Amino acid sequence: MKIKRGDKVKITAGRDKGRVGTVDKVYPREEKVLVGGVNLFKRHLKPRGEGKPGGIVEIPRPLPVANVALICPKCNQPTRVGWQVSKEGEKLRICKKCQNLI
């Protein structure tokens, strides 16, 4: 996947369109990412004994990778991700707009 944990992303589709957040978790098999503070849903929970009270809790749900765009740390713009192979043979991510390493 082109987006990894800790990347700053901008939401490009859905009800949270335009919001910015950091990727907390990546689900490569489902091609989804969990962005903190974005795509929150309310869940009603029953009390489960002492220390676990019930109530309405906001839980973040994963977003499809197609609905987020990586924000380049250098040019600070949403961009697509390209690949570049270094001399040592490792694949590096690059920004398609400014051509800098991510």
C-alpha atoms as a PDB file:
ATOM      1  CA  MET A   1       0.000   0.000   0.000  1.00  0.00           C
ATOM      2  CA  LYS A   2       1.111   3.523  -0.715  1.00  0.00           C
ATOM      3  CA  ILE A   3      -0.214   4.924   2.571  1.00  0.00           C
ATOM      4  CA  LYS A   4       1.386   3.875   5.840  1.00  0.00           C
ATOM      5  CA  ARG A   5       0.794   4.327   9.543  1.00  0.00           C
ATOM      6  CA  GLY A   6       1.643   7.828  10.750  1.00  0.00           C
ATOM      7  CA  ASP A   7       1.065   9.515   7.365  1.00  0.00           C
ATOM      8  CA  LYS A   8      -0.890  12.757   7.263  1.00  0.00           C
ATOM      9  CA  VAL A   9      -3.865  12.388   4.907  1.00  0.00           C
ATOM     10  CA  LYS A  10      -6.751  14.475   3.590  1.00  0.00           C
ATOM     11  CA  ILE A  11     -10.207  12.949   3.113  1.00  0.00           C
ATOM     12  CA  THR A  12     -11.329  13.346  -0.520  1.00  0.00           C
ATOM     13  CA  ALA A  13     -14.820  11.792  -0.429  1.00  0.00           C
ATOM     14  CA  GLY A  14     -17.687  11.170   1.956  1.00  0.00           C
ATOM     15  CA  ARG A  15     -19.201  13.165   4.779  1.00  0.00           C
ATOM     16  CA  ASP A  16     -15.771  14.103   6.206  1.00  0.00           C
ATOM     17  CA  LYS A  17     -14.493  15.444   2.879  1.00  0.00           C
ATOM     18  CA  GLY A  18     -11.771  18.073   3.346  1.00  0.00           C
ATOM     19  CA  ARG A  19     -10.753  17.034   6.861  1.00  0.00           C
ATOM     20  CA  VAL A  20      -7.146  16.199   7.684  1.00  0.00           C
ATOM     21  CA  GLY A  21      -5.921  13.490  10.046  1.00  0.00           C
ATOM     22  CA  THR A  22      -3.168  10.999  10.776  1.00  0.00           C
ATOM     23  CA  VAL A  23      -3.375   7.324   9.834  1.00  0.00           C
ATOM     24  CA  ASP A  24      -3.614   5.223  13.008  1.00  0.00           C
ATOM     25  CA  LYS A  25      -3.895   1.771  11.444  1.00  0.00           C
ATOM     26  CA  VAL A  26      -3.727   0.218   7.985  1.00  0.00           C
ATOM     27  CA  TYR A  27      -5.785  -2.768   6.819  1.00  0.00           C
ATOM     28  CA  PRO A  28      -4.056  -3.916   3.591  1.00  0.00           C
ATOM     29  CA  ARG A  29      -6.349  -6.890   2.908  1.00  0.00           C
ATOM     30  CA  GLU A  30      -9.481  -4.754   3.013  1.00  0.00           C
ATOM     31  CA  GLU A  31      -7.634  -1.784   1.438  1.00  0.00           C
ATOM     32  CA  LYS A  32      -8.784   0.503   4.247  1.00  0.00           C
ATOM     33  CA  VAL A  33      -7.152   2.926   6.657  1.00  0.00           C
ATOM     34  CA  LEU A  34      -8.203   4.119  10.108  1.00  0.00           C
ATOM     35  CA  VAL A  35      -7.805   7.889  10.472  1.00  0.00           C
ATOM     36  CA  GLY A  36      -7.996   9.290  13.996  1.00  0.00           C
ATOM     37  CA  GLY A  37     -10.902  11.650  14.696  1.00  0.00           C
ATOM     38  CA  VAL A  38     -12.486  11.111  11.281  1.00  0.00           C
ATOM     39  CA  ASN A  39     -15.435   8.916  10.198  1.00  0.00           C
ATOM     40  CA  LEU A  40     -16.812   8.652  13.738  1.00  0.00           C
ATOM     41  CA  PHE A  41     -19.943   6.611  14.421  1.00  0.00           C
ATOM     42  CA  LYS A  42     -21.966   6.451  17.612  1.00  0.00           C
ATOM     43  CA  ARG A  43     -22.269   3.097  19.360  1.00  0.00           C
ATOM     44  CA  HIS A  44     -24.658   2.385  22.237  1.00  0.00           C
ATOM     45  CA  LEU A  45     -22.992   0.189  24.867  1.00  0.00           C
ATOM     46  CA  LYS A  46     -24.484  -1.640  27.833  1.00  0.00           C
ATOM     47  CA  PRO A  47     -22.641  -1.507  31.155  1.00  0.00           C
ATOM     48  CA  ARG A  48     -20.241  -4.451  31.457  1.00  0.00           C
ATOM     49  CA  GLY A  49     -19.499  -4.544  35.183  1.00  0.00           C
ATOM     50  CA  GLU A  50     -17.362  -2.255  37.289  1.00  0.00           C
ATOM     51  CA  GLY A  51     -15.016   0.059  35.441  1.00  0.00           C
ATOM     52  CA  LYS A  52     -16.902  -0.323  32.158  1.00  0.00           C
ATOM     53  CA  PRO A  53     -19.898   1.999  32.205  1.00  0.00           C
ATOM     54  CA  GLY A  54     -22.462   2.036  29.434  1.00  0.00           C
ATOM     55  CA  GLY A  55     -23.424   4.953  27.269  1.00  0.00           C
ATOM     56  CA  ILE A  56     -23.022   6.347  23.794  1.00  0.00           C
ATOM     57  CA  VAL A  57     -19.445   6.066  22.545  1.00  0.00           C
ATOM     58  CA  GLU A  58     -17.975   7.473  19.332  1.00  0.00           C
ATOM     59  CA  ILE A  59     -15.962   4.851  17.473  1.00  0.00           C
ATOM     60  CA  PRO A  60     -13.831   5.596  14.375  1.00  0.00           C
ATOM     61  CA  ARG A  61     -14.382   3.297  11.415  1.00  0.00           C
ATOM     62  CA  PRO A  62     -11.921   2.574   8.608  1.00  0.00           C
ATOM     63  CA  LEU A  63     -12.098   4.459   5.310  1.00  0.00           C
ATOM     64  CA  PRO A  64     -11.283   3.068   1.857  1.00  0.00           C
ATOM     65  CA  VAL A  65      -7.789   4.023   0.697  1.00  0.00           C
ATOM     66  CA  ALA A  66      -9.309   5.477  -2.467  1.00  0.00           C
ATOM     67  CA  ASN A  67     -11.044   8.152  -0.354  1.00  0.00           C
ATOM     68  CA  VAL A  68      -7.848   9.581   1.172  1.00  0.00           C
ATOM     69  CA  ALA A  69      -4.926  11.506  -0.328  1.00  0.00           C
ATOM     70  CA  LEU A  70      -1.470  11.641   1.208  1.00  0.00           C
ATOM     71  CA  ILE A  71      -0.249  15.109   2.218  1.00  0.00           C
ATOM     72  CA  CYS A  72       3.396  15.610   1.252  1.00  0.00           C
ATOM     73  CA  PRO A  73       5.487  16.764   4.231  1.00  0.00           C
ATOM     74  CA  LYS A  74       7.659  18.966   1.976  1.00  0.00           C
ATOM     75  CA  CYS A  75       5.131  20.830  -0.229  1.00  0.00           C
ATOM     76  CA  ASN A  76       2.202  20.380   2.223  1.00  0.00           C
ATOM     77  CA  GLN A  77      -0.278  19.522  -0.564  1.00  0.00           C
ATOM     78  CA  PRO A  78      -2.429  16.420  -1.182  1.00  0.00           C
ATOM     79  CA  THR A  79      -0.594  14.323  -3.727  1.00  0.00           C
ATOM     80  CA  ARG A  80      -0.358  10.952  -5.361  1.00  0.00           C
ATOM     81  CA  VAL A  81       2.475   8.604  -4.413  1.00  0.00           C
ATOM     82  CA  GLY A  82       5.108   7.418  -6.851  1.00  0.00           C
ATOM     83  CA  TRP A  83       7.939   4.940  -6.471  1.00  0.00           C
ATOM     84  CA  GLN A  84      11.665   5.302  -6.980  1.00  0.00           C
ATOM     85  CA  VAL A  85      14.283   2.570  -6.622  1.00  0.00           C
ATOM     86  CA  SER A  86      17.451   3.619  -4.792  1.00  0.00           C
ATOM     87  CA  LYS A  87      20.964   2.483  -5.684  1.00  0.00           C
ATOM     88  CA  GLU A  88      20.810  -0.071  -2.858  1.00  0.00           C
ATOM     89  CA  GLY A  89      17.688  -1.583  -4.456  1.00  0.00           C
ATOM     90  CA  GLU A  90      15.050  -0.433  -1.969  1.00  0.00           C
ATOM     91  CA  LYS A  91      11.748   1.103  -3.080  1.00  0.00           C
ATOM     92  CA  LEU A  92      11.183   4.664  -1.866  1.00  0.00           C
ATOM     93  CA  ARG A  93       7.977   6.684  -1.934  1.00  0.00           C
ATOM     94  CA  ILE A  94       8.085  10.029  -3.729  1.00  0.00           C
ATOM     95  CA  CYS A  95       5.649  12.917  -4.082  1.00  0.00           C
ATOM     96  CA  LYS A  96       4.280  13.213  -7.623  1.00  0.00           C
ATOM     97  CA  LYS A  97       4.045  17.030  -7.341  1.00  0.00           C
ATOM     98  CA  CYS A  98       7.449  18.041  -5.948  1.00  0.00           C
ATOM     99  CA  GLN A  99       9.403  14.796  -6.621  1.00  0.00           C
ATOM    100  CA  ASN A 100      10.805  14.749  -3.042  1.00  0.00           C
ATOM    101  CA  LEU A 101      11.085  11.639  -0.897  1.00  0.00           C
ATOM    102  CA  ILE A 102       8.279  11.037   1.551  1.00  0.00           C
END
